[in-house]
Structures are given as C-alpha cells and as structure tokens.
Amino acid sequence: MTGAKPPFANDETSHADGPAWQLALREMRAFIWRSKFWTIIGGASVTAALAGPFYTLERLSFPARLIYWSFIAIASGILMTFLSMLMRRIASQYGMHWLPTALIAGALGVLPTMVVIFVANLLSGRDLGPPEFWGLFPYVSVPLVLITVLVKAMIKDPEPPAPAAEQPTEMSTEGSTEQPTQVFTELSTEVPPTETLEQPALLFSKLPATLGREIVSLQAKDHYIEVTTPLGSALVLMRLTDAEQDLTTLPGMRVHRSWWVSLPHVERIEKGASGPELRMTTGQIIPVARGQRASVRDALAQR
C-alpha cells in the first residue's frame, strides 16, 4: 500500500490519539465506502422520488425528483454520519450517555440539512424565501433528531480496552505492493462481536488503547508492522510472523507474505492487474498471493 507512513504506536502525535473530529472523519470516510451506506442512500432517494414530498411530486418529473432527493440524501447522509461519529467520540472521551449525544448530533444537523434542501431547491429552479425556508424547520428537525436517536439506539458501541505496558520485540524486513482494481464479486461484511474471541496479549500491549481491539489487517513494513483497526492505524515494532502467532484464535489468515487480514472485515474480492485483491471495510486494497488464492476463496466461502 502506498501513502503517508502512519504514526508509531508510542508516538504522542499519533492520529489515533488526535482530536475527536479527526477520528470521526476517518470513521466516516471508512463507513461511506461500504455498500450498506449506498444501499440506504439509494433506497431513501428512490422512495422519496416516488412519494414526492414537499410538493416535488407536482412540480418535478420523476428523473428530476430522483436527482433532487439523491442530492439531499447523499449530502445529509454524509453530514449526519460525521456528526453521529463525532458525538460518539465525545461521549466516549467524557463518559457521557449516548442519548444526549444523539440528541445533540441530530440538533446540530438540522440547520445544515435545511441549507442542503435550500440549495437543492435553488438548483431545481425554486428559490425559497425566508418565510418558506424557516417554515421547513419543524418538518426537518423532528424527523432528523428522531432518526438519529433511533439509529444510535440500535448501535452498541464497543467497550474501550484497558491500556497495557509496551514490550520489546524483534524486527522484520517484509514489504508489499498495491494494484489498481475493478469489482469481481461481493461478499458478506457482517463482523461478529470480537468480545467473544480470545484476544492476543502481546500485540495489544503495543497498541494505543484508542485504536480498540478489533484488528482489520496487519502489514509488514520494514522493521515494523502496520496494525489497522476501524479506529485508525499505528506502526508497531514486531515481526509479522510473531503477530500472526498471537492471532491464531481470531478468524483471519495470511493472504500475502506481507499481509494478514481479518476475514469478517473483507468486504469483497476485486480483480486487480496482477490477480485477486481484497477490499476491506476500511477501504484498504490488499493483494492476494498466487499460492494463497484458493485458500482465501475457501476461507471466505466458509465464513
């Protein structure tokens, strides 16, 4: 994989320990890569286009309504995803209950969502005057806050792990490559709760507590491994072979000489220039070694 080198696990400037808004932005970017997000957006857009609320049924054709509501659904969906994850982060940092933070996230999203609707109307040839614009407030605020609270109530936040002391380890010189992709086939992305699995002690003793305990992938980089979780990534001074031994109780496998992946976090297989590659729930593209292709397909089919 190319790109900027992630921070070391013991680096105080690690983005895993950064401001809440940066962490929320990372989570949002990973989430909107998922097919589930676009399935929800697409369903909401088509439903609204067919129903034609706010007088769009009378003044717009179906294609125009579909564009109109798709614009609103995408913009407001990304906005509310970010606000929800931001308030989730703040709640975790300050030990707050999820309900007030969900209410705050919904309230913060009301005015920006109204602006999105105003822009959509402007682009469709209808300029909302001040009375009509503020008249949207009850029709936007109540559903938006209620939906935010209901979604938050259905999502259980993971318990943060307790930090552990760092231990010395050996080094590795393994590397990796990344190839361009095209979609090959879709796979299930249901991730089982990690609380029921035995967690490796040595590897997690080297990670910042803010990264959590749900590993998505490990990549060998010179004398380190890059550990990626849904909350971020960090470089750890440890050999990939040693980390792999710690991960024998988890549902994952080595797919390349430089990569170990968590099978539940494989979103789909893609056909790259040099063969099959894995797209992870974090948006990573991971090559599959020629000798591992059959084993990877079998493992994904059985998960």
Protein backbone atom coordinates (compact mmCIF):
# COMPACT_ATOMS: atom_id res chain seq x y z
CA MET A 1 0.00 0.00 0.00
CA THR A 2 1.25 3.48 -0.77
CA GLY A 3 0.66 6.68 1.11
CA ALA A 4 1.88 8.52 4.16
CA LYS A 5 3.54 6.47 6.84
CA PRO A 6 1.32 6.02 9.90
CA PRO A 7 2.50 7.07 13.35
CA PHE A 8 4.35 4.77 15.69
CA ALA A 9 2.35 3.18 18.48
CA ASN A 10 4.31 5.09 21.11
CA ASP A 11 4.21 8.43 19.20
CA GLU A 12 2.29 11.04 21.18
CA THR A 13 1.22 12.72 17.92
CA SER A 14 -0.47 9.58 16.62
CA HIS A 15 -3.71 10.34 14.78
CA ALA A 16 -5.27 7.56 16.86
CA ASP A 17 -4.90 9.95 19.80
CA GLY A 18 -5.85 13.03 17.77
CA PRO A 19 -8.83 15.35 18.10
CA ALA A 20 -12.28 13.77 18.13
CA TRP A 21 -13.22 15.41 14.82
CA GLN A 22 -10.23 13.85 13.04
CA LEU A 23 -11.06 10.38 14.34
CA ALA A 24 -14.73 10.85 13.43
CA LEU A 25 -13.72 11.96 9.93
CA ARG A 26 -11.64 8.80 9.49
CA GLU A 27 -14.53 6.61 10.63
CA MET A 28 -16.94 8.43 8.35
CA ARG A 29 -14.66 8.02 5.33
CA ALA A 30 -14.35 4.28 6.02
CA PHE A 31 -18.12 3.92 6.53
CA ILE A 32 -19.17 5.65 3.31
CA TRP A 33 -17.05 3.17 1.33
CA ARG A 34 -19.36 0.38 2.46
CA SER A 35 -22.07 -0.88 0.17
CA LYS A 36 -24.59 -0.70 3.04
CA PHE A 37 -24.29 3.09 3.15
CA TRP A 38 -25.06 3.47 -0.55
CA THR A 39 -27.85 0.90 -0.36
CA ILE A 40 -29.55 3.01 2.31
CA ILE A 41 -28.95 6.23 0.36
CA GLY A 42 -30.27 4.68 -2.85
CA GLY A 43 -33.36 3.27 -1.16
CA ALA A 44 -34.15 6.58 0.53
CA SER A 45 -33.69 8.51 -2.72
CA VAL A 46 -35.95 6.24 -4.77
CA THR A 47 -38.62 6.17 -2.05
CA ALA A 48 -38.66 9.96 -1.76
CA ALA A 49 -38.70 10.36 -5.55
CA LEU A 50 -41.72 8.09 -5.81
CA ALA A 51 -43.57 9.72 -2.90
CA GLY A 52 -42.70 13.29 -3.94
CA PRO A 53 -42.94 15.09 -0.56
CA PHE A 54 -42.66 18.89 -0.18
CA TYR A 55 -44.67 19.38 -3.39
CA THR A 56 -41.94 17.83 -5.56
CA LEU A 57 -44.48 15.37 -6.98
CA GLU A 58 -46.45 18.22 -8.56
CA ARG A 59 -43.61 20.40 -9.85
CA LEU A 60 -40.85 17.93 -10.85
CA SER A 61 -40.70 14.95 -13.19
CA PHE A 62 -39.60 11.59 -11.78
CA PRO A 63 -35.99 11.86 -13.11
CA ALA A 64 -35.75 15.39 -11.68
CA ARG A 65 -37.18 14.20 -8.35
CA LEU A 66 -34.69 11.35 -8.25
CA ILE A 67 -31.76 13.75 -8.77
CA TYR A 68 -33.25 16.22 -6.26
CA TRP A 69 -33.71 13.65 -3.48
CA SER A 70 -30.44 11.84 -4.24
CA PHE A 71 -28.57 15.13 -3.73
CA ILE A 72 -30.33 15.70 -0.40
CA ALA A 73 -29.88 12.08 0.75
CA ILE A 74 -26.15 11.95 -0.07
CA ALA A 75 -25.29 15.35 1.43
CA SER A 76 -27.37 14.91 4.59
CA GLY A 77 -26.31 11.26 4.94
CA ILE A 78 -22.60 12.11 4.94
CA LEU A 79 -23.20 15.06 7.26
CA MET A 80 -25.21 13.09 9.81
CA THR A 81 -22.76 10.17 9.68
CA PHE A 82 -19.93 12.54 10.60
CA LEU A 83 -21.90 14.27 13.37
CA SER A 84 -23.04 10.95 14.86
CA MET A 85 -19.49 9.57 14.91
CA LEU A 86 -18.16 12.85 16.31
CA MET A 87 -20.64 12.83 19.20
CA ARG A 88 -19.94 9.14 19.75
CA ARG A 89 -16.26 10.01 20.14
CA ILE A 90 -17.01 12.86 22.52
CA ALA A 91 -19.33 10.64 24.57
CA SER A 92 -16.58 8.01 24.83
CA GLN A 93 -13.95 10.54 25.91
CA TYR A 94 -16.11 12.15 28.62
CA GLY A 95 -18.10 9.11 29.72
CA MET A 96 -21.43 10.59 28.59
CA HIS A 97 -24.62 8.62 27.99
CA TRP A 98 -25.43 8.00 24.33
CA LEU A 99 -28.91 9.61 24.43
CA PRO A 100 -27.92 13.28 25.00
CA THR A 101 -25.10 13.00 22.47
CA ALA A 102 -27.51 11.55 19.89
CA LEU A 103 -29.91 14.43 20.54
CA ILE A 104 -27.07 16.92 20.14
CA ALA A 105 -25.92 15.27 16.88
CA GLY A 106 -29.46 15.47 15.49
CA ALA A 107 -29.86 19.08 16.58
CA LEU A 108 -26.51 20.09 15.07
CA GLY A 109 -27.55 18.59 11.76
CA VAL A 110 -30.86 20.44 11.43
CA LEU A 111 -29.64 23.79 10.06
CA PRO A 112 -27.05 22.28 7.64
CA THR A 113 -29.72 19.88 6.34
CA MET A 114 -32.08 22.81 5.79
CA VAL A 115 -29.31 24.54 3.83
CA VAL A 116 -28.90 21.38 1.72
CA ILE A 117 -32.65 21.45 0.96
CA PHE A 118 -32.42 25.16 0.13
CA VAL A 119 -29.56 24.50 -2.33
CA ALA A 120 -31.45 21.57 -3.89
CA ASN A 121 -34.47 23.82 -4.43
CA LEU A 122 -32.28 26.55 -5.88
CA LEU A 123 -30.70 24.10 -8.35
CA SER A 124 -34.13 22.82 -9.34
CA GLY A 125 -35.29 26.35 -10.18
CA ARG A 126 -37.19 27.19 -6.99
CA ASP A 127 -35.83 29.89 -4.68
CA LEU A 128 -37.11 29.56 -1.11
CA GLY A 129 -37.81 32.90 0.57
CA PRO A 130 -37.07 33.42 4.29
CA PRO A 131 -40.61 32.54 5.49
CA GLU A 132 -40.68 29.36 3.43
CA PHE A 133 -37.12 28.44 4.42
CA TRP A 134 -37.75 28.73 8.17
CA GLY A 135 -41.08 27.01 7.67
CA LEU A 136 -39.04 23.87 6.93
CA PHE A 137 -37.69 23.81 10.49
CA PRO A 138 -40.36 21.60 12.16
CA TYR A 139 -40.51 19.27 9.14
CA VAL A 140 -36.74 18.75 9.22
CA SER A 141 -35.80 18.97 12.89
CA VAL A 142 -38.25 16.46 14.38
CA PRO A 143 -37.63 13.57 11.90
CA LEU A 144 -33.88 14.19 11.82
CA VAL A 145 -33.48 14.09 15.62
CA LEU A 146 -35.76 11.06 15.97
CA ILE A 147 -33.94 9.12 13.24
CA THR A 148 -30.55 9.96 14.78
CA VAL A 149 -31.69 8.73 18.20
CA LEU A 150 -33.24 5.53 16.79
CA VAL A 151 -30.13 4.67 14.77
CA LYS A 152 -27.89 5.34 17.76
CA ALA A 153 -30.09 3.17 19.98
CA MET A 154 -29.61 0.24 17.62
CA ILE A 155 -25.81 0.57 17.54
CA LYS A 156 -23.87 -0.75 20.50
CA ASP A 157 -20.54 0.98 20.97
CA PRO A 158 -17.59 -1.31 21.72
CA GLU A 159 -16.09 -1.20 25.20
CA PRO A 160 -12.67 0.52 25.16
CA PRO A 161 -9.78 -1.79 26.17
CA ALA A 162 -7.51 -1.08 29.11
CA PRO A 163 -4.03 0.16 28.10
CA ALA A 164 -1.10 -2.19 28.68
CA ALA A 165 2.66 -1.76 29.01
CA GLU A 166 4.86 -1.89 25.90
CA GLN A 167 7.29 -4.83 25.48
CA PRO A 168 10.44 -5.16 23.29
CA THR A 169 10.30 -7.32 20.15
CA GLU A 170 12.32 -8.32 17.07
CA MET A 171 12.27 -6.81 13.58
CA SER A 172 11.13 -7.82 10.08
CA THR A 173 12.05 -6.69 6.52
CA GLU A 174 8.90 -7.78 4.68
CA GLY A 175 7.31 -5.42 2.06
CA SER A 176 4.18 -5.23 -0.08
CA THR A 177 2.63 -3.85 -3.29
CA GLU A 178 -0.75 -2.42 -4.30
CA GLN A 179 -2.50 -2.78 -7.69
CA PRO A 180 -5.43 -1.00 -9.44
CA THR A 181 -8.76 -2.77 -9.12
CA GLN A 182 -12.14 -3.49 -10.62
CA VAL A 183 -15.06 -5.19 -8.90
CA PHE A 184 -15.02 -9.01 -9.17
CA THR A 185 -17.60 -10.25 -6.67
CA GLU A 186 -19.30 -9.13 -3.46
CA LEU A 187 -19.00 -10.91 -0.12
CA SER A 188 -20.77 -10.62 3.22
CA THR A 189 -19.34 -7.95 5.56
CA GLU A 190 -21.08 -8.99 8.76
CA VAL A 191 -18.47 -8.69 11.52
CA PRO A 192 -19.07 -10.91 14.59
CA PRO A 193 -18.56 -9.35 18.04
CA THR A 194 -14.90 -9.52 18.98
CA GLU A 195 -15.75 -9.66 22.68
CA THR A 196 -16.41 -13.40 22.36
CA LEU A 197 -12.94 -14.10 20.92
CA GLU A 198 -9.76 -14.56 22.88
CA GLN A 199 -7.57 -11.50 22.30
CA PRO A 200 -3.77 -11.69 21.87
CA ALA A 201 -1.91 -10.08 24.76
CA LEU A 202 1.49 -9.22 23.26
CA LEU A 203 0.24 -7.45 20.15
CA PHE A 204 -2.35 -5.39 22.01
CA SER A 205 0.15 -4.40 24.65
CA LYS A 206 1.86 -2.40 21.92
CA LEU A 207 -1.20 -0.58 20.58
CA PRO A 208 -2.67 2.73 21.79
CA ALA A 209 -5.84 2.00 23.73
CA THR A 210 -7.74 4.39 21.45
CA LEU A 211 -7.30 2.00 18.49
CA GLY A 212 -9.51 -0.59 20.17
CA ARG A 213 -9.13 -4.36 19.96
CA GLU A 214 -10.77 -5.12 16.61
CA ILE A 215 -7.95 -5.76 14.15
CA VAL A 216 -8.73 -5.38 10.45
CA SER A 217 -5.29 -6.08 8.99
CA LEU A 218 -1.55 -6.32 9.66
CA GLN A 219 1.06 -5.28 7.10
CA ALA A 220 4.81 -5.81 7.35
CA LYS A 221 6.71 -2.55 6.77
CA ASP A 222 10.49 -2.71 7.07
CA HIS A 223 11.19 -3.42 10.75
CA TYR A 224 7.57 -2.85 11.83
CA ILE A 225 4.04 -3.96 11.22
CA GLU A 226 1.23 -1.54 10.50
CA VAL A 227 -1.80 -2.51 12.58
CA THR A 228 -5.14 -1.26 11.23
CA THR A 229 -8.43 -1.21 13.16
CA PRO A 230 -11.74 0.52 12.36
CA LEU A 231 -10.49 3.42 14.52
CA GLY A 232 -7.13 4.04 12.84
CA SER A 233 -3.66 2.54 12.45
CA ALA A 234 -0.22 2.57 14.05
CA LEU A 235 3.25 1.12 13.45
CA VAL A 236 4.42 -1.48 15.97
CA LEU A 237 7.96 -2.81 16.37
CA MET A 238 7.15 -6.51 15.93
CA ARG A 239 7.62 -9.27 13.34
CA LEU A 240 4.58 -10.24 11.29
CA THR A 241 5.23 -13.91 11.98
CA ASP A 242 5.12 -13.29 15.75
CA ALA A 243 1.95 -11.21 15.47
CA GLU A 244 0.37 -13.93 13.34
CA GLN A 245 1.02 -16.48 16.08
CA ASP A 246 -0.78 -14.20 18.55
CA LEU A 247 -3.77 -14.06 16.20
CA THR A 248 -4.40 -17.80 15.84
CA THR A 249 -7.62 -17.57 17.89
CA LEU A 250 -9.10 -14.89 15.58
CA PRO A 251 -10.91 -15.50 12.25
CA GLY A 252 -8.14 -14.36 9.92
CA MET A 253 -5.26 -15.58 7.78
CA ARG A 254 -2.06 -14.62 5.95
CA VAL A 255 -3.03 -13.74 2.37
CA HIS A 256 0.35 -12.41 1.21
CA ARG A 257 3.89 -12.56 2.53
CA SER A 258 3.36 -9.08 3.94
CA TRP A 259 -0.32 -9.16 4.89
CA TRP A 260 -2.60 -10.76 7.48
CA VAL A 261 -6.32 -9.92 7.27
CA SER A 262 -9.41 -10.41 9.41
CA LEU A 263 -11.85 -12.42 7.27
CA PRO A 264 -15.01 -10.78 8.71
CA HIS A 265 -13.62 -7.42 7.57
CA VAL A 266 -13.20 -8.49 3.93
CA GLU A 267 -15.90 -6.56 2.08
CA ARG A 268 -15.36 -8.12 -1.33
CA ILE A 269 -12.85 -9.68 -3.73
CA GLU A 270 -11.74 -7.47 -6.61
CA LYS A 271 -9.87 -8.34 -9.79
CA GLY A 272 -6.65 -6.36 -9.94
CA ALA A 273 -3.99 -6.10 -12.63
CA SER A 274 -1.97 -8.91 -11.03
CA GLY A 275 -4.81 -11.07 -9.73
CA PRO A 276 -7.42 -11.09 -6.95
CA GLU A 277 -7.27 -8.41 -4.28
CA LEU A 278 -9.31 -7.84 -1.13
CA ARG A 279 -11.21 -4.66 -0.37
CA MET A 280 -11.53 -4.28 3.39
CA THR A 281 -14.26 -2.48 5.32
CA THR A 282 -11.70 0.27 5.97
CA GLY A 283 -11.25 0.84 2.21
CA GLN A 284 -7.83 -0.86 2.05
CA ILE A 285 -6.90 -2.83 -1.09
CA ILE A 286 -4.82 -5.90 -0.17
CA PRO A 287 -3.12 -8.22 -2.72
CA VAL A 288 -3.60 -11.98 -2.53
CA ALA A 289 -0.50 -14.07 -3.24
CA ARG A 290 -0.79 -16.62 -6.06
CA GLY A 291 -0.29 -19.55 -3.71
CA GLN A 292 -2.96 -18.28 -1.32
CA ARG A 293 -5.79 -17.63 -3.79
CA ALA A 294 -7.55 -20.98 -3.40
CA SER A 295 -7.19 -20.93 0.40
CA VAL A 296 -8.54 -17.37 0.60
CA ARG A 297 -11.57 -18.19 -1.54
CA ASP A 298 -12.31 -21.30 0.52
CA ALA A 299 -11.97 -19.39 3.81
CA LEU A 300 -14.26 -16.60 2.62
CA ALA A 301 -16.84 -19.07 1.36
CA GLN A 302 -16.94 -20.82 4.75
CA ARG A 303 -17.08 -17.75 7.00
